[in-house]
Amino acid sequence: MDDGGHDAIIDVQMIAERVASDFRTANPERVIVLEATGDCRSRGDELFVGQIVSNLVSNAIKYAPSEEPIEIHVGTDENGTMVSVTDHGPGIPASEVDRIFDRFHRLGNVLTRAAGGTGLGLYIARQLAAAVGGTIVVESALGGGSTFTLRLRPPARLVAVS
């Protein structure tokens, strides 16, 4: 299988820490909380994963009220490593959840339009996730914020030996 060079073992916690640090420096008025648990290594591409996490944090900052924290959680389970970015912003209407990863899609309300952007960030994030064998999902409630979760493959491939 040709993986396009995107199949290295990477330290997802270190990537998330770097992204959080960059955003804290650029947005000193924002509270960005990072919590990591477990061995947060995965298979993927460091630049791609950094760009995905950056896109998710950028959106959280853009759409959540400035007094609300942005929460980044990095953890693992038997299926791999996850990075979740949670904001306490306006949330996403249920009718829009399936479309937010479409190219050029922007939510149609005044609050989100005022934030600017091209409607490409989540589309690019999902494409990059797919390129490293990962997925991105969102959980959101209108008025209750959103959590975007990037799931990445575990660092080792298990091979059955008989």
Protein backbone atom coordinates (compact mmCIF):
# COMPACT_ATOMS: atom_id res chain seq x y z
CA MET A 1 0.00 0.00 0.00
CA ASP A 2 1.33 3.44 -0.94
CA ASP A 3 0.76 5.70 2.03
CA GLY A 4 2.21 8.80 0.36
CA GLY A 5 4.76 9.18 3.17
CA HIS A 6 2.08 9.85 5.78
CA ASP A 7 2.63 6.78 7.95
CA ALA A 8 5.26 7.70 10.52
CA ILE A 9 4.87 7.22 14.27
CA ILE A 10 4.11 10.68 15.65
CA ASP A 11 3.69 12.17 19.13
CA VAL A 12 0.20 13.66 19.02
CA GLN A 13 0.50 15.22 22.47
CA MET A 14 3.59 17.16 21.38
CA ILE A 15 1.79 18.36 18.25
CA ALA A 16 -1.23 19.51 20.29
CA GLU A 17 1.05 21.26 22.81
CA ARG A 18 2.79 23.14 20.00
CA VAL A 19 -0.52 24.20 18.42
CA ALA A 20 -1.92 25.29 21.81
CA SER A 21 1.25 27.27 22.56
CA ASP A 22 1.11 29.02 19.17
CA PHE A 23 -2.53 30.01 19.68
CA ARG A 24 -1.90 31.16 23.27
CA THR A 25 0.89 33.42 21.97
CA ALA A 26 -1.26 34.82 19.16
CA ASN A 27 -4.36 35.18 21.38
CA PRO A 28 -3.11 36.02 24.90
CA GLU A 29 -6.62 37.02 25.99
CA ARG A 30 -7.97 33.51 25.31
CA VAL A 31 -7.86 30.62 27.76
CA ILE A 32 -6.72 27.47 25.97
CA VAL A 33 -6.65 24.37 28.15
CA LEU A 34 -4.76 21.25 27.09
CA GLU A 35 -5.16 17.90 28.81
CA ALA A 36 -3.40 14.72 27.69
CA THR A 37 -3.75 11.19 29.02
CA GLY A 38 -2.06 7.95 28.02
CA ASP A 39 0.55 7.21 25.39
CA CYS A 40 -0.48 9.68 22.72
CA ARG A 41 1.49 8.31 19.82
CA SER A 42 -0.16 7.49 16.54
CA ARG A 43 0.54 6.73 12.90
CA GLY A 44 0.29 9.70 10.59
CA ASP A 45 2.02 12.79 9.32
CA GLU A 46 3.15 15.43 11.84
CA LEU A 47 2.48 18.36 9.50
CA PHE A 48 -0.97 17.09 8.51
CA VAL A 49 -2.04 16.43 12.10
CA GLY A 50 -0.68 19.82 13.18
CA GLN A 51 -2.70 21.51 10.43
CA ILE A 52 -5.87 19.63 11.41
CA VAL A 53 -5.56 20.55 15.10
CA SER A 54 -4.71 24.13 14.13
CA ASN A 55 -7.83 24.38 11.95
CA LEU A 56 -10.02 23.02 14.76
CA VAL A 57 -8.57 25.39 17.38
CA SER A 58 -8.79 28.34 14.98
CA ASN A 59 -12.49 27.65 14.43
CA ALA A 60 -13.10 27.31 18.16
CA ILE A 61 -11.45 30.68 18.78
CA LYS A 62 -13.32 32.26 15.89
CA TYR A 63 -16.79 31.12 16.92
CA ALA A 64 -16.75 30.92 20.74
CA PRO A 65 -17.16 33.94 23.01
CA SER A 66 -13.79 35.36 24.08
CA GLU A 67 -14.51 34.75 27.77
CA GLU A 68 -15.08 31.02 27.21
CA PRO A 69 -12.14 28.58 27.31
CA ILE A 70 -11.11 26.40 24.41
CA GLU A 71 -10.44 22.85 25.59
CA ILE A 72 -8.10 20.43 23.86
CA HIS A 73 -8.02 16.83 25.05
CA VAL A 74 -5.56 14.24 23.73
CA GLY A 75 -6.13 10.63 24.74
CA THR A 76 -6.04 7.05 23.62
CA ASP A 77 -8.16 3.94 23.62
CA GLU A 78 -7.89 0.52 21.99
CA ASN A 79 -8.75 2.05 18.60
CA GLY A 80 -6.06 4.74 18.53
CA THR A 81 -5.41 8.31 19.57
CA MET A 82 -8.00 11.07 19.71
CA VAL A 83 -7.72 14.84 19.77
CA SER A 84 -10.90 16.64 20.81
CA VAL A 85 -11.33 20.40 20.57
CA THR A 86 -14.29 21.79 22.51
CA ASP A 87 -15.69 25.29 22.43
CA HIS A 88 -18.60 26.82 24.28
CA GLY A 89 -19.86 28.82 21.35
CA PRO A 90 -23.25 29.00 19.63
CA GLY A 91 -23.20 25.39 18.47
CA ILE A 92 -24.21 24.07 15.09
CA PRO A 93 -27.83 23.55 14.05
CA ALA A 94 -28.67 19.86 13.57
CA SER A 95 -29.64 20.60 9.96
CA GLU A 96 -26.09 21.82 9.25
CA VAL A 97 -23.97 19.18 11.02
CA ASP A 98 -23.72 16.86 8.01
CA ARG A 99 -22.71 19.72 5.70
CA ILE A 100 -20.04 21.58 7.69
CA PHE A 101 -17.24 19.48 6.19
CA ASP A 102 -18.34 20.31 2.62
CA ARG A 103 -16.08 22.54 0.58
CA PHE A 104 -17.03 26.25 0.83
CA HIS A 105 -19.86 25.51 3.28
CA ARG A 106 -20.47 28.22 5.85
CA LEU A 107 -23.19 28.36 8.44
CA GLY A 108 -25.83 30.83 7.40
CA ASN A 109 -26.40 32.82 10.57
CA VAL A 110 -25.19 36.35 11.26
CA LEU A 111 -22.88 35.31 14.12
CA THR A 112 -20.87 32.89 12.02
CA ARG A 113 -20.79 35.01 8.87
CA ALA A 114 -19.29 37.90 10.85
CA ALA A 115 -16.37 35.67 11.86
CA GLY A 116 -15.07 35.55 8.29
CA GLY A 117 -13.41 32.67 6.50
CA THR A 118 -13.77 30.80 3.24
CA GLY A 119 -15.58 27.66 4.31
CA LEU A 120 -12.53 25.52 3.52
CA GLY A 121 -11.00 24.85 6.97
CA LEU A 122 -13.12 21.86 7.98
CA TYR A 123 -13.11 20.48 4.44
CA ILE A 124 -9.29 20.59 4.41
CA ALA A 125 -9.11 19.11 7.92
CA ARG A 126 -11.27 16.14 6.88
CA GLN A 127 -9.21 15.58 3.71
CA LEU A 128 -5.96 15.63 5.70
CA ALA A 129 -7.45 13.26 8.28
CA ALA A 130 -8.41 10.82 5.54
CA ALA A 131 -4.91 11.07 4.07
CA VAL A 132 -3.41 9.77 7.34
CA GLY A 133 -6.09 7.10 7.86
CA GLY A 134 -8.04 9.15 10.40
CA THR A 135 -11.52 10.57 10.79
CA ILE A 136 -13.11 13.75 12.16
CA VAL A 137 -16.54 13.87 13.75
CA VAL A 138 -18.48 16.62 15.48
CA GLU A 139 -20.90 16.67 18.38
CA SER A 140 -22.79 19.91 18.76
CA ALA A 141 -25.91 21.33 20.31
CA LEU A 142 -27.39 24.65 19.28
CA GLY A 143 -26.52 27.04 22.09
CA GLY A 144 -24.29 24.44 23.75
CA GLY A 145 -21.00 24.57 21.89
CA SER A 146 -19.23 21.97 19.77
CA THR A 147 -16.66 19.23 20.13
CA PHE A 148 -14.66 18.17 17.09
CA THR A 149 -12.79 14.88 17.49
CA LEU A 150 -9.93 13.73 15.31
CA ARG A 151 -9.33 9.99 15.59
CA LEU A 152 -5.98 8.59 14.45
CA ARG A 153 -4.67 5.06 14.04
CA PRO A 154 -2.69 3.35 16.81
CA PRO A 155 1.11 3.49 16.49
CA ALA A 156 1.61 -0.21 15.83
CA ARG A 157 -0.01 -2.54 13.41
CA LEU A 158 -0.84 -5.85 15.01
CA VAL A 159 -0.14 -8.85 12.84
CA ALA A 160 -1.55 -12.28 13.62
CA VAL A 161 1.09 -14.98 13.71
CA SER A 162 0.13 -18.61 13.40
